[in-house]
Amino acid sequence: MKKNTELKTISEKLFSAKTVLLFPHTNPDGDSVGSCSALSLALRAAGIECYVYSEDPPKYLGFMNMEAFTKDWDKLQNPDVCVAVDCNEYGRMNERAEMFKLGKTKICIDHHAHDQGFGDLYYIDEDAAAACELVYEVIKDAGVEITKDIANAIYTGIVTDTGSFRHSNTKAESYRIAAELFDIGVDHTNIMVNLYENKNLKKVRCENKAVAKAIFFADGRGVISYLTSGEMAAMDAHPEHADEIIDRLRDIENVEMAAYLEEREDGIKVSMRSKTDSSVLEICQRNGGGGHVKAAGCTMHTTMENAFAIIKDEMETALS
């Protein structure tokens, strides 16, 4: 854990401010969107002017209340507090980082491993299964009512980051919070249908193509695949349509470690997963990224061919 304060102090700072701007990481997922949705709703309920300065969230998360989300910087300039949520480095904000720096107080709430603190106040707990678990505590400390919309957002973050409570990062606390959210009236069935039973056809095509191209090695314990920008364009697909490919690769029988590479304008986006004893965090850290022991990623500024060779070699070494 990396922290220079407690969540209660962060809660007091946030809920005593007049204006707050929240920042999820680039290519926001269920946890980053859920965290920002829940926290923005709680702050607004407390009478605080709050916006979430974000890229467009994935369409499959559209069931959440995202009334505070905006790409318009003019909505709120020179905020009292800027908060990086589910994000602990400027590189994961892209150009929005310059806006984050303008906050009079800068705060980080996150659960990704990092060597140092981030912001004026930071609380980075790698043992938390999701940033939403930390946001839940911040809202509870403030004494703000957790409405059904807030509960749905927090539950979504926990569900997506634990893989529906399947991943090894799932702790007893994850179940305790989920139980409390059920008591509030979280819409479990609707959330699960939207997350897992309502797949866009483009997403299915991306997954099928990547799985068909997969290369297995180390006696089938390693698997790696990729999609080029040309292949994505041919399917009229966007990054959100490929965000579950890495899970499909990891889920294959006998696979211990999986990697998926995607060609984007800013480089080769690498996503990695492992099942039991193997760590993918060190591989991604050596290539400029980060994350968790069994779920990590990085962006490599090289050709697809070179990135593919480097990641595959790293995986073979790790699996040997």
C-alpha atoms as a PDB file:
ATOM      1  CA  MET A   1       0.000   0.000   0.000  1.00  0.00           C
ATOM      2  CA  LYS A   2       1.150   3.518  -0.854  1.00  0.00           C
ATOM      3  CA  LYS A   3      -0.549   6.295   1.089  1.00  0.00           C
ATOM      4  CA  ASN A   4       0.186   9.592   2.771  1.00  0.00           C
ATOM      5  CA  THR A   5      -3.273   9.941   4.298  1.00  0.00           C
ATOM      6  CA  GLU A   6      -6.398   7.956   5.165  1.00  0.00           C
ATOM      7  CA  LEU A   7      -9.621   7.554   3.212  1.00  0.00           C
ATOM      8  CA  LYS A   8     -11.488   9.440   5.937  1.00  0.00           C
ATOM      9  CA  THR A   9      -9.238  12.470   5.381  1.00  0.00           C
ATOM     10  CA  ILE A  10      -9.785  12.244   1.626  1.00  0.00           C
ATOM     11  CA  SER A  11     -13.523  12.040   2.225  1.00  0.00           C
ATOM     12  CA  GLU A  12     -13.438  15.147   4.427  1.00  0.00           C
ATOM     13  CA  LYS A  13     -11.431  17.056   1.815  1.00  0.00           C
ATOM     14  CA  LEU A  14     -13.761  16.090  -1.010  1.00  0.00           C
ATOM     15  CA  PHE A  15     -17.035  16.763   0.754  1.00  0.00           C
ATOM     16  CA  SER A  16     -15.884  20.125   2.104  1.00  0.00           C
ATOM     17  CA  ALA A  17     -14.932  21.397  -1.380  1.00  0.00           C
ATOM     18  CA  LYS A  18     -17.119  23.581  -3.573  1.00  0.00           C
ATOM     19  CA  THR A  19     -15.951  22.217  -6.936  1.00  0.00           C
ATOM     20  CA  VAL A  20     -14.528  18.773  -7.773  1.00  0.00           C
ATOM     21  CA  LEU A  21     -13.332  17.303 -11.065  1.00  0.00           C
ATOM     22  CA  LEU A  22     -12.880  13.523 -11.345  1.00  0.00           C
ATOM     23  CA  PHE A  23     -10.519  11.778 -13.786  1.00  0.00           C
ATOM     24  CA  PRO A  24     -10.859   8.097 -14.760  1.00  0.00           C
ATOM     25  CA  HIS A  25      -8.051   6.477 -16.731  1.00  0.00           C
ATOM     26  CA  THR A  26      -7.953   6.509 -20.514  1.00  0.00           C
ATOM     27  CA  ASN A  27     -10.053   3.797 -22.216  1.00  0.00           C
ATOM     28  CA  PRO A  28     -12.267   3.684 -19.100  1.00  0.00           C
ATOM     29  CA  ASP A  29     -13.600   0.319 -17.927  1.00  0.00           C
ATOM     30  CA  GLY A  30     -16.286  -0.811 -15.507  1.00  0.00           C
ATOM     31  CA  ASP A  31     -14.288   0.019 -12.388  1.00  0.00           C
ATOM     32  CA  SER A  32     -13.097   3.473 -13.478  1.00  0.00           C
ATOM     33  CA  VAL A  33     -16.528   4.467 -14.822  1.00  0.00           C
ATOM     34  CA  GLY A  34     -18.305   2.960 -11.818  1.00  0.00           C
ATOM     35  CA  SER A  35     -15.995   4.713  -9.359  1.00  0.00           C
ATOM     36  CA  CYS A  36     -16.465   8.088 -11.007  1.00  0.00           C
ATOM     37  CA  SER A  37     -20.208   7.631 -11.442  1.00  0.00           C
ATOM     38  CA  ALA A  38     -20.706   6.712  -7.787  1.00  0.00           C
ATOM     39  CA  LEU A  39     -18.453   9.447  -6.402  1.00  0.00           C
ATOM     40  CA  SER A  40     -19.884  12.165  -8.659  1.00  0.00           C
ATOM     41  CA  LEU A  41     -23.454  11.259  -7.678  1.00  0.00           C
ATOM     42  CA  ALA A  42     -22.550  11.343  -3.978  1.00  0.00           C
ATOM     43  CA  LEU A  43     -20.773  14.701  -4.274  1.00  0.00           C
ATOM     44  CA  ARG A  44     -23.633  16.236  -6.237  1.00  0.00           C
ATOM     45  CA  ALA A  45     -26.114  14.941  -3.650  1.00  0.00           C
ATOM     46  CA  ALA A  46     -24.063  16.803  -1.043  1.00  0.00           C
ATOM     47  CA  GLY A  47     -24.457  20.054  -3.022  1.00  0.00           C
ATOM     48  CA  ILE A  48     -20.965  20.065  -4.523  1.00  0.00           C
ATOM     49  CA  GLU A  49     -20.435  21.030  -8.149  1.00  0.00           C
ATOM     50  CA  CYS A  50     -18.813  17.979  -9.691  1.00  0.00           C
ATOM     51  CA  TYR A  51     -18.016  16.701 -13.174  1.00  0.00           C
ATOM     52  CA  VAL A  52     -16.180  13.681 -14.523  1.00  0.00           C
ATOM     53  CA  TYR A  53     -13.696  14.730 -17.198  1.00  0.00           C
ATOM     54  CA  SER A  54     -13.553  11.613 -19.338  1.00  0.00           C
ATOM     55  CA  GLU A  55     -13.320  10.074 -22.749  1.00  0.00           C
ATOM     56  CA  ASP A  56     -16.554   8.478 -23.962  1.00  0.00           C
ATOM     57  CA  PRO A  57     -17.295   5.468 -21.721  1.00  0.00           C
ATOM     58  CA  PRO A  58     -17.987   2.136 -23.477  1.00  0.00           C
ATOM     59  CA  LYS A  59     -21.565   1.817 -24.679  1.00  0.00           C
ATOM     60  CA  TYR A  60     -22.143  -1.401 -22.721  1.00  0.00           C
ATOM     61  CA  LEU A  61     -21.833   0.631 -19.504  1.00  0.00           C
ATOM     62  CA  GLY A  62     -24.603   2.974 -20.594  1.00  0.00           C
ATOM     63  CA  PHE A  63     -26.983   1.581 -17.954  1.00  0.00           C
ATOM     64  CA  MET A  64     -25.096   3.519 -15.271  1.00  0.00           C
ATOM     65  CA  ASN A  65     -25.967   7.089 -14.286  1.00  0.00           C
ATOM     66  CA  MET A  66     -23.308   9.198 -16.001  1.00  0.00           C
ATOM     67  CA  GLU A  67     -24.998  12.598 -15.888  1.00  0.00           C
ATOM     68  CA  ALA A  68     -21.775  14.174 -14.574  1.00  0.00           C
ATOM     69  CA  PHE A  69     -19.552  12.864 -17.389  1.00  0.00           C
ATOM     70  CA  THR A  70     -18.254  15.428 -19.872  1.00  0.00           C
ATOM     71  CA  LYS A  71     -15.496  16.102 -22.390  1.00  0.00           C
ATOM     72  CA  ASP A  72     -16.023  19.847 -22.103  1.00  0.00           C
ATOM     73  CA  TRP A  73     -13.263  21.420 -20.015  1.00  0.00           C
ATOM     74  CA  ASP A  74     -15.230  24.679 -19.818  1.00  0.00           C
ATOM     75  CA  LYS A  75     -17.800  22.971 -17.606  1.00  0.00           C
ATOM     76  CA  LEU A  76     -15.544  23.431 -14.595  1.00  0.00           C
ATOM     77  CA  GLN A  77     -12.283  25.368 -14.636  1.00  0.00           C
ATOM     78  CA  ASN A  78      -9.794  25.754 -11.762  1.00  0.00           C
ATOM     79  CA  PRO A  79     -11.556  23.255  -9.471  1.00  0.00           C
ATOM     80  CA  ASP A  80     -10.876  23.108  -5.752  1.00  0.00           C
ATOM     81  CA  VAL A  81     -10.065  19.407  -5.988  1.00  0.00           C
ATOM     82  CA  CYS A  82      -9.027  17.129  -8.851  1.00  0.00           C
ATOM     83  CA  VAL A  83      -9.204  13.380  -8.218  1.00  0.00           C
ATOM     84  CA  ALA A  84      -7.551  10.612 -10.225  1.00  0.00           C
ATOM     85  CA  VAL A  85      -9.782   7.573  -9.708  1.00  0.00           C
ATOM     86  CA  ASP A  86      -8.578   4.058 -10.592  1.00  0.00           C
ATOM     87  CA  CYS A  87      -5.517   5.809 -12.040  1.00  0.00           C
ATOM     88  CA  ASN A  88      -2.184   6.682 -10.451  1.00  0.00           C
ATOM     89  CA  GLU A  89      -0.043   8.222 -13.173  1.00  0.00           C
ATOM     90  CA  TYR A  90      -0.249  11.031 -15.694  1.00  0.00           C
ATOM     91  CA  GLY A  91       0.378   8.642 -18.580  1.00  0.00           C
ATOM     92  CA  ARG A  92      -3.000   6.997 -18.018  1.00  0.00           C
ATOM     93  CA  MET A  93      -4.800  10.336 -18.455  1.00  0.00           C
ATOM     94  CA  ASN A  94      -3.240  11.339 -21.775  1.00  0.00           C
ATOM     95  CA  GLU A  95      -3.843  15.035 -22.544  1.00  0.00           C
ATOM     96  CA  ARG A  96      -6.281  15.339 -19.638  1.00  0.00           C
ATOM     97  CA  ALA A  97      -3.295  15.249 -17.282  1.00  0.00           C
ATOM     98  CA  GLU A  98      -2.706  18.958 -17.857  1.00  0.00           C
ATOM     99  CA  MET A  99      -6.212  19.663 -16.603  1.00  0.00           C
ATOM    100  CA  PHE A 100      -5.673  17.455 -13.552  1.00  0.00           C
ATOM    101  CA  LYS A 101      -2.618  19.495 -12.569  1.00  0.00           C
ATOM    102  CA  LEU A 102      -4.743  22.658 -12.330  1.00  0.00           C
ATOM    103  CA  GLY A 103      -6.606  21.414  -9.270  1.00  0.00           C
ATOM    104  CA  LYS A 104      -5.836  23.370  -6.099  1.00  0.00           C
ATOM    105  CA  THR A 105      -5.617  20.001  -4.352  1.00  0.00           C
ATOM    106  CA  LYS A 106      -4.809  16.838  -6.269  1.00  0.00           C
ATOM    107  CA  ILE A 107      -5.950  13.460  -4.927  1.00  0.00           C
ATOM    108  CA  CYS A 108      -5.411   9.861  -6.045  1.00  0.00           C
ATOM    109  CA  ILE A 109      -7.666   6.931  -5.108  1.00  0.00           C
ATOM    110  CA  ASP A 110      -6.476   3.717  -6.707  1.00  0.00           C
ATOM    111  CA  HIS A 111      -5.656   0.020  -6.315  1.00  0.00           C
ATOM    112  CA  HIS A 112      -2.943  -0.480  -8.963  1.00  0.00           C
ATOM    113  CA  ALA A 113       0.616  -1.202  -7.856  1.00  0.00           C
ATOM    114  CA  HIS A 114       2.886   1.820  -8.068  1.00  0.00           C
ATOM    115  CA  ASP A 115       6.363   2.626  -6.768  1.00  0.00           C
ATOM    116  CA  GLN A 116       5.482   6.044  -5.431  1.00  0.00           C
ATOM    117  CA  GLY A 117       2.633   8.292  -4.407  1.00  0.00           C
ATOM    118  CA  PHE A 118       0.679  10.485  -6.768  1.00  0.00           C
ATOM    119  CA  GLY A 119      -0.870  13.869  -6.031  1.00  0.00           C
ATOM    120  CA  ASP A 120      -1.027  15.915  -2.826  1.00  0.00           C
ATOM    121  CA  LEU A 121      -3.103  13.256  -1.079  1.00  0.00           C
ATOM    122  CA  TYR A 122      -3.003   9.655  -2.202  1.00  0.00           C
ATOM    123  CA  TYR A 123      -4.373   6.315  -1.102  1.00  0.00           C
ATOM    124  CA  ILE A 124      -3.273   3.391  -3.266  1.00  0.00           C
ATOM    125  CA  ASP A 125      -4.311   0.005  -1.891  1.00  0.00           C
ATOM    126  CA  GLU A 126      -3.150  -2.889  -4.065  1.00  0.00           C
ATOM    127  CA  ASP A 127      -5.108  -5.320  -1.889  1.00  0.00           C
ATOM    128  CA  ALA A 128      -8.439  -3.741  -2.833  1.00  0.00           C
ATOM    129  CA  ALA A 129     -10.128  -5.743  -5.580  1.00  0.00           C
ATOM    130  CA  ALA A 130     -11.456  -2.591  -7.233  1.00  0.00           C
ATOM    131  CA  ALA A 131     -11.212   1.176  -6.885  1.00  0.00           C
ATOM    132  CA  CYS A 132     -14.964   1.067  -6.310  1.00  0.00           C
ATOM    133  CA  GLU A 133     -14.335  -0.617  -2.946  1.00  0.00           C
ATOM    134  CA  LEU A 134     -12.286   2.420  -1.845  1.00  0.00           C
ATOM    135  CA  VAL A 135     -14.833   4.883  -3.247  1.00  0.00           C
ATOM    136  CA  TYR A 136     -17.524   3.041  -1.301  1.00  0.00           C
ATOM    137  CA  GLU A 137     -15.619   3.718   1.933  1.00  0.00           C
ATOM    138  CA  VAL A 138     -15.093   7.388   1.001  1.00  0.00           C
ATOM    139  CA  ILE A 139     -18.836   7.855   0.457  1.00  0.00           C
ATOM    140  CA  LYS A 140     -19.719   6.012   3.672  1.00  0.00           C
ATOM    141  CA  ASP A 141     -17.264   8.163   5.655  1.00  0.00           C
ATOM    142  CA  ALA A 142     -19.042  11.250   4.308  1.00  0.00           C
ATOM    143  CA  GLY A 143     -22.366  10.013   5.607  1.00  0.00           C
ATOM    144  CA  VAL A 144     -24.031  10.471   2.210  1.00  0.00           C
ATOM    145  CA  GLU A 145     -26.924   8.161   1.380  1.00  0.00           C
ATOM    146  CA  ILE A 146     -25.938   5.391  -1.016  1.00  0.00           C
ATOM    147  CA  THR A 147     -28.748   5.470  -3.535  1.00  0.00           C
ATOM    148  CA  LYS A 148     -29.624   2.713  -5.986  1.00  0.00           C
ATOM    149  CA  ASP A 149     -27.712   4.511  -8.768  1.00  0.00           C
ATOM    150  CA  ILE A 150     -24.613   4.757  -6.565  1.00  0.00           C
ATOM    151  CA  ALA A 151     -24.977   1.109  -5.528  1.00  0.00           C
ATOM    152  CA  ASN A 152     -25.277  -0.014  -9.165  1.00  0.00           C
ATOM    153  CA  ALA A 153     -22.122   1.895 -10.115  1.00  0.00           C
ATOM    154  CA  ILE A 154     -20.055   0.494  -7.239  1.00  0.00           C
ATOM    155  CA  TYR A 155     -21.325  -3.045  -7.804  1.00  0.00           C
ATOM    156  CA  THR A 156     -20.438  -2.814 -11.515  1.00  0.00           C
ATOM    157  CA  GLY A 157     -16.864  -1.849 -10.676  1.00  0.00           C
ATOM    158  CA  ILE A 158     -16.427  -4.712  -8.236  1.00  0.00           C
ATOM    159  CA  VAL A 159     -18.018  -7.258 -10.572  1.00  0.00           C
ATOM    160  CA  THR A 160     -15.917  -6.277 -13.592  1.00  0.00           C
ATOM    161  CA  ASP A 161     -12.591  -6.056 -11.772  1.00  0.00           C
ATOM    162  CA  THR A 162     -13.071  -9.384  -9.980  1.00  0.00           C
ATOM    163  CA  GLY A 163     -14.351 -11.135 -13.093  1.00  0.00           C
ATOM    164  CA  SER A 164     -17.694 -11.757 -11.390  1.00  0.00           C
ATOM    165  CA  PHE A 165     -15.847 -12.766  -8.199  1.00  0.00           C
ATOM    166  CA  ARG A 166     -13.728 -15.350 -10.050  1.00  0.00           C
ATOM    167  CA  HIS A 167     -10.313 -13.653 -10.019  1.00  0.00           C
ATOM    168  CA  SER A 168      -7.762 -14.154  -7.269  1.00  0.00           C
ATOM    169  CA  ASN A 169      -8.041 -10.489  -6.226  1.00  0.00           C
ATOM    170  CA  THR A 170     -11.504 -11.245  -4.800  1.00  0.00           C
ATOM    171  CA  LYS A 171     -11.451 -10.842  -1.019  1.00  0.00           C
ATOM    172  CA  ALA A 172     -13.986 -11.235   1.770  1.00  0.00           C
ATOM    173  CA  GLU A 173     -14.417  -7.455   1.713  1.00  0.00           C
ATOM    174  CA  SER A 174     -15.642  -7.671  -1.887  1.00  0.00           C
ATOM    175  CA  TYR A 175     -18.461  -9.970  -0.802  1.00  0.00           C
ATOM    176  CA  ARG A 176     -19.258  -7.866   2.271  1.00  0.00           C
ATOM    177  CA  ILE A 177     -19.661  -4.714   0.187  1.00  0.00           C
ATOM    178  CA  ALA A 178     -21.679  -6.602  -2.438  1.00  0.00           C
ATOM    179  CA  ALA A 179     -24.024  -7.875   0.298  1.00  0.00           C
ATOM    180  CA  GLU A 180     -24.546  -4.338   1.595  1.00  0.00           C
ATOM    181  CA  LEU A 181     -25.296  -3.151  -1.942  1.00  0.00           C
ATOM    182  CA  PHE A 182     -27.856  -5.943  -2.348  1.00  0.00           C
ATOM    183  CA  ASP A 183     -29.584  -4.706   0.808  1.00  0.00           C
ATOM    184  CA  ILE A 184     -29.797  -1.260  -0.812  1.00  0.00           C
ATOM    185  CA  GLY A 185     -31.409  -2.777  -3.906  1.00  0.00           C
ATOM    186  CA  VAL A 186     -28.666  -3.119  -6.498  1.00  0.00           C
ATOM    187  CA  ASP A 187     -30.038  -4.240  -9.870  1.00  0.00           C
ATOM    188  CA  HIS A 188     -27.944  -7.410 -10.133  1.00  0.00           C
ATOM    189  CA  THR A 189     -29.809  -9.040 -13.021  1.00  0.00           C
ATOM    190  CA  ASN A 190     -29.839  -5.946 -15.234  1.00  0.00           C
ATOM    191  CA  ILE A 191     -26.141  -5.326 -14.590  1.00  0.00           C
ATOM    192  CA  MET A 192     -25.172  -8.912 -15.413  1.00  0.00           C
ATOM    193  CA  VAL A 193     -27.253  -8.924 -18.592  1.00  0.00           C
ATOM    194  CA  ASN A 194     -25.657  -5.681 -19.786  1.00  0.00           C
ATOM    195  CA  LEU A 195     -22.137  -6.816 -18.916  1.00  0.00           C
ATOM    196  CA  TYR A 196     -22.204 -10.427 -20.105  1.00  0.00           C
ATOM    197  CA  GLU A 197     -25.361 -11.294 -22.022  1.00  0.00           C
ATOM    198  CA  ASN A 198     -25.762  -8.406 -24.439  1.00  0.00           C
ATOM    199  CA  LYS A 199     -22.610  -8.509 -26.546  1.00  0.00           C
ATOM    200  CA  ASN A 200     -22.227  -6.256 -29.531  1.00  0.00           C
ATOM    201  CA  LEU A 201     -21.760  -8.281 -32.728  1.00  0.00           C
ATOM    202  CA  LYS A 202     -18.535  -6.389 -33.486  1.00  0.00           C
ATOM    203  CA  LYS A 203     -17.157  -7.536 -30.146  1.00  0.00           C
ATOM    204  CA  VAL A 204     -17.980 -11.144 -30.961  1.00  0.00           C
ATOM    205  CA  ARG A 205     -16.265 -10.833 -34.347  1.00  0.00           C
ATOM    206  CA  CYS A 206     -13.152  -9.295 -32.783  1.00  0.00           C
ATOM    207  CA  GLU A 207     -12.944 -12.076 -30.223  1.00  0.00           C
ATOM    208  CA  ASN A 208     -13.446 -14.786 -32.828  1.00  0.00           C
ATOM    209  CA  LYS A 209     -10.749 -13.347 -35.087  1.00  0.00           C
ATOM    210  CA  ALA A 210      -8.229 -12.967 -32.258  1.00  0.00           C
ATOM    211  CA  VAL A 211      -8.855 -16.484 -30.941  1.00  0.00           C
ATOM    212  CA  ALA A 212      -8.534 -17.922 -34.467  1.00  0.00           C
ATOM    213  CA  LYS A 213      -5.116 -16.210 -34.817  1.00  0.00           C
ATOM    214  CA  ALA A 214      -3.879 -17.287 -31.382  1.00  0.00           C
ATOM    215  CA  ILE A 215      -0.439 -18.853 -31.121  1.00  0.00           C
ATOM    216  CA  PHE A 216       0.161 -21.369 -28.319  1.00  0.00           C
ATOM    217  CA  PHE A 217       3.558 -22.234 -26.829  1.00  0.00           C
ATOM    218  CA  ALA A 218       5.205 -23.614 -23.673  1.00  0.00           C
ATOM    219  CA  ASP A 219       3.141 -26.819 -23.970  1.00  0.00           C
ATOM    220  CA  GLY A 220      -0.039 -24.811 -24.353  1.00  0.00           C
ATOM    221  CA  ARG A 221       0.469 -22.844 -21.130  1.00  0.00           C
ATOM    222  CA  GLY A 222       1.140 -19.632 -23.039  1.00  0.00           C
ATOM    223  CA  VAL A 223      -1.057 -17.976 -25.667  1.00  0.00           C
ATOM    224  CA  ILE A 224      -0.643 -14.720 -27.561  1.00  0.00           C
ATOM    225  CA  SER A 225      -2.710 -13.022 -30.247  1.00  0.00           C
ATOM    226  CA  TYR A 226      -3.129  -9.609 -31.860  1.00  0.00           C
ATOM    227  CA  LEU A 227      -5.260  -7.430 -34.102  1.00  0.00           C
ATOM    228  CA  THR A 228      -3.877  -4.740 -36.386  1.00  0.00           C
ATOM    229  CA  SER A 229      -5.494  -1.363 -36.947  1.00  0.00           C
ATOM    230  CA  GLY A 230      -6.380  -2.544 -40.454  1.00  0.00           C
ATOM    231  CA  GLU A 231      -8.184  -5.598 -39.124  1.00  0.00           C
ATOM    232  CA  MET A 232     -10.074  -3.472 -36.605  1.00  0.00           C
ATOM    233  CA  ALA A 233     -11.060  -1.000 -39.325  1.00  0.00           C
ATOM    234  CA  ALA A 234     -12.252  -3.803 -41.600  1.00  0.00           C
ATOM    235  CA  MET A 235     -14.663  -4.888 -38.848  1.00  0.00           C
ATOM    236  CA  ASP A 236     -15.609  -1.257 -38.115  1.00  0.00           C
ATOM    237  CA  ALA A 237     -14.474  -2.034 -34.548  1.00  0.00           C
ATOM    238  CA  HIS A 238     -13.174   0.211 -31.777  1.00  0.00           C
ATOM    239  CA  PRO A 239     -11.064  -0.538 -28.652  1.00  0.00           C
ATOM    240  CA  GLU A 240     -14.172  -1.200 -26.562  1.00  0.00           C
ATOM    241  CA  HIS A 241     -15.063  -4.062 -28.921  1.00  0.00           C
ATOM    242  CA  ALA A 242     -11.762  -5.785 -28.126  1.00  0.00           C
ATOM    243  CA  ASP A 243     -11.619  -5.259 -24.373  1.00  0.00           C
ATOM    244  CA  GLU A 244     -12.580  -8.848 -23.475  1.00  0.00           C
ATOM    245  CA  ILE A 245     -10.313 -10.651 -25.932  1.00  0.00           C
ATOM    246  CA  ILE A 246      -7.644 -11.128 -23.288  1.00  0.00           C
ATOM    247  CA  ASP A 247     -10.148 -12.891 -21.038  1.00  0.00           C
ATOM    248  CA  ARG A 248     -11.237 -15.225 -23.827  1.00  0.00           C
ATOM    249  CA  LEU A 249      -7.595 -16.185 -24.403  1.00  0.00           C
ATOM    250  CA  ARG A 250      -6.896 -16.743 -20.703  1.00  0.00           C
ATOM    251  CA  ASP A 251     -10.030 -18.881 -20.326  1.00  0.00           C
ATOM    252  CA  ILE A 252      -8.776 -21.524 -22.771  1.00  0.00           C
ATOM    253  CA  GLU A 253      -8.015 -24.894 -21.196  1.00  0.00           C
ATOM    254  CA  ASN A 254      -4.409 -25.388 -19.962  1.00  0.00           C
ATOM    255  CA  VAL A 255      -3.484 -21.729 -20.565  1.00  0.00           C
ATOM    256  CA  GLU A 256      -1.603 -20.195 -17.641  1.00  0.00           C
ATOM    257  CA  MET A 257      -0.547 -16.885 -19.215  1.00  0.00           C
ATOM    258  CA  ALA A 258      -2.171 -14.905 -22.033  1.00  0.00           C
ATOM    259  CA  ALA A 259      -1.346 -11.756 -23.979  1.00  0.00           C
ATOM    260  CA  TYR A 260      -3.331  -9.713 -26.467  1.00  0.00           C
ATOM    261  CA  LEU A 261      -1.752  -6.935 -28.568  1.00  0.00           C
ATOM    262  CA  GLU A 262      -3.706  -4.251 -30.406  1.00  0.00           C
ATOM    263  CA  GLU A 263      -2.354  -1.685 -32.845  1.00  0.00           C
ATOM    264  CA  ARG A 264      -3.487   1.863 -32.004  1.00  0.00           C
ATOM    265  CA  GLU A 265      -2.474   5.376 -32.980  1.00  0.00           C
ATOM    266  CA  ASP A 266      -0.390   5.867 -29.819  1.00  0.00           C
ATOM    267  CA  GLY A 267       1.384   2.497 -29.980  1.00  0.00           C
ATOM    268  CA  ILE A 268       0.846  -1.206 -29.393  1.00  0.00           C
ATOM    269  CA  LYS A 269      -1.559  -1.730 -26.494  1.00  0.00           C
ATOM    270  CA  VAL A 270      -0.654  -4.901 -24.595  1.00  0.00           C
ATOM    271  CA  SER A 271      -3.066  -6.648 -22.213  1.00  0.00           C
ATOM    272  CA  MET A 272      -1.907  -9.614 -20.135  1.00  0.00           C
ATOM    273  CA  ARG A 273      -3.556 -12.097 -17.771  1.00  0.00           C
ATOM    274  CA  SER A 274      -2.468 -15.158 -15.767  1.00  0.00           C
ATOM    275  CA  LYS A 275      -4.409 -17.777 -13.845  1.00  0.00           C
ATOM    276  CA  THR A 276      -2.584 -19.202 -10.843  1.00  0.00           C
ATOM    277  CA  ASP A 277       1.086 -18.820  -9.933  1.00  0.00           C
ATOM    278  CA  SER A 278       2.460 -16.700 -12.763  1.00  0.00           C
ATOM    279  CA  SER A 279       2.855 -12.913 -12.596  1.00  0.00           C
ATOM    280  CA  VAL A 280       2.354 -10.697 -15.630  1.00  0.00           C
ATOM    281  CA  LEU A 281       2.976  -7.482 -13.689  1.00  0.00           C
ATOM    282  CA  GLU A 282       6.770  -7.612 -13.986  1.00  0.00           C
ATOM    283  CA  ILE A 283       6.594  -8.166 -17.738  1.00  0.00           C
ATOM    284  CA  CYS A 284       4.385  -5.100 -18.200  1.00  0.00           C
ATOM    285  CA  GLN A 285       6.450  -2.991 -15.826  1.00  0.00           C
ATOM    286  CA  ARG A 286       9.610  -3.768 -17.778  1.00  0.00           C
ATOM    287  CA  ASN A 287       7.817  -2.485 -20.868  1.00  0.00           C
ATOM    288  CA  GLY A 288       6.572   0.762 -19.338  1.00  0.00           C
ATOM    289  CA  GLY A 289       3.250  -0.376 -17.913  1.00  0.00           C
ATOM    290  CA  GLY A 290       1.741  -1.652 -14.695  1.00  0.00           C
ATOM    291  CA  GLY A 291      -1.337  -3.145 -13.120  1.00  0.00           C
ATOM    292  CA  HIS A 292      -1.748  -6.220 -10.951  1.00  0.00           C
ATOM    293  CA  VAL A 293       0.066  -9.537 -10.513  1.00  0.00           C
ATOM    294  CA  LYS A 294      -2.458 -11.427 -12.636  1.00  0.00           C
ATOM    295  CA  ALA A 295      -3.852  -8.586 -14.757  1.00  0.00           C
ATOM    296  CA  ALA A 296      -1.558  -5.946 -16.237  1.00  0.00           C
ATOM    297  CA  GLY A 297      -0.878  -3.961 -19.381  1.00  0.00           C
ATOM    298  CA  CYS A 298       1.438  -1.556 -21.175  1.00  0.00           C
ATOM    299  CA  THR A 299       1.762   0.476 -24.363  1.00  0.00           C
ATOM    300  CA  MET A 300       4.822  -0.224 -26.514  1.00  0.00           C
ATOM    301  CA  HIS A 301       6.034   2.371 -28.993  1.00  0.00           C
ATOM    302  CA  THR A 302       7.351   0.056 -31.661  1.00  0.00           C
ATOM    303  CA  THR A 303       6.076  -2.119 -34.497  1.00  0.00           C
ATOM    304  CA  MET A 304       3.574  -4.893 -33.937  1.00  0.00           C
ATOM    305  CA  GLU A 305       6.133  -7.449 -35.090  1.00  0.00           C
ATOM    306  CA  ASN A 306       8.710  -6.256 -32.573  1.00  0.00           C
ATOM    307  CA  ALA A 307       6.237  -5.912 -29.696  1.00  0.00           C
ATOM    308  CA  PHE A 308       4.875  -9.397 -30.406  1.00  0.00           C
ATOM    309  CA  ALA A 309       8.371 -10.891 -30.338  1.00  0.00           C
ATOM    310  CA  ILE A 310       9.329  -9.117 -27.097  1.00  0.00           C
ATOM    311  CA  ILE A 311       6.169 -10.096 -25.205  1.00  0.00           C
ATOM    312  CA  LYS A 312       6.243 -13.701 -26.429  1.00  0.00           C
ATOM    313  CA  ASP A 313       9.899 -14.029 -25.410  1.00  0.00           C
ATOM    314  CA  GLU A 314       9.133 -12.589 -21.966  1.00  0.00           C
ATOM    315  CA  MET A 315       6.256 -15.030 -21.544  1.00  0.00           C
ATOM    316  CA  GLU A 316       8.360 -18.017 -22.590  1.00  0.00           C
ATOM    317  CA  THR A 317      10.996 -17.045 -20.042  1.00  0.00           C
ATOM    318  CA  ALA A 318       8.426 -16.645 -17.295  1.00  0.00           C
ATOM    319  CA  LEU A 319       6.741 -19.953 -18.085  1.00  0.00           C
ATOM    320  CA  SER A 320      10.027 -21.850 -18.208  1.00  0.00           C
END
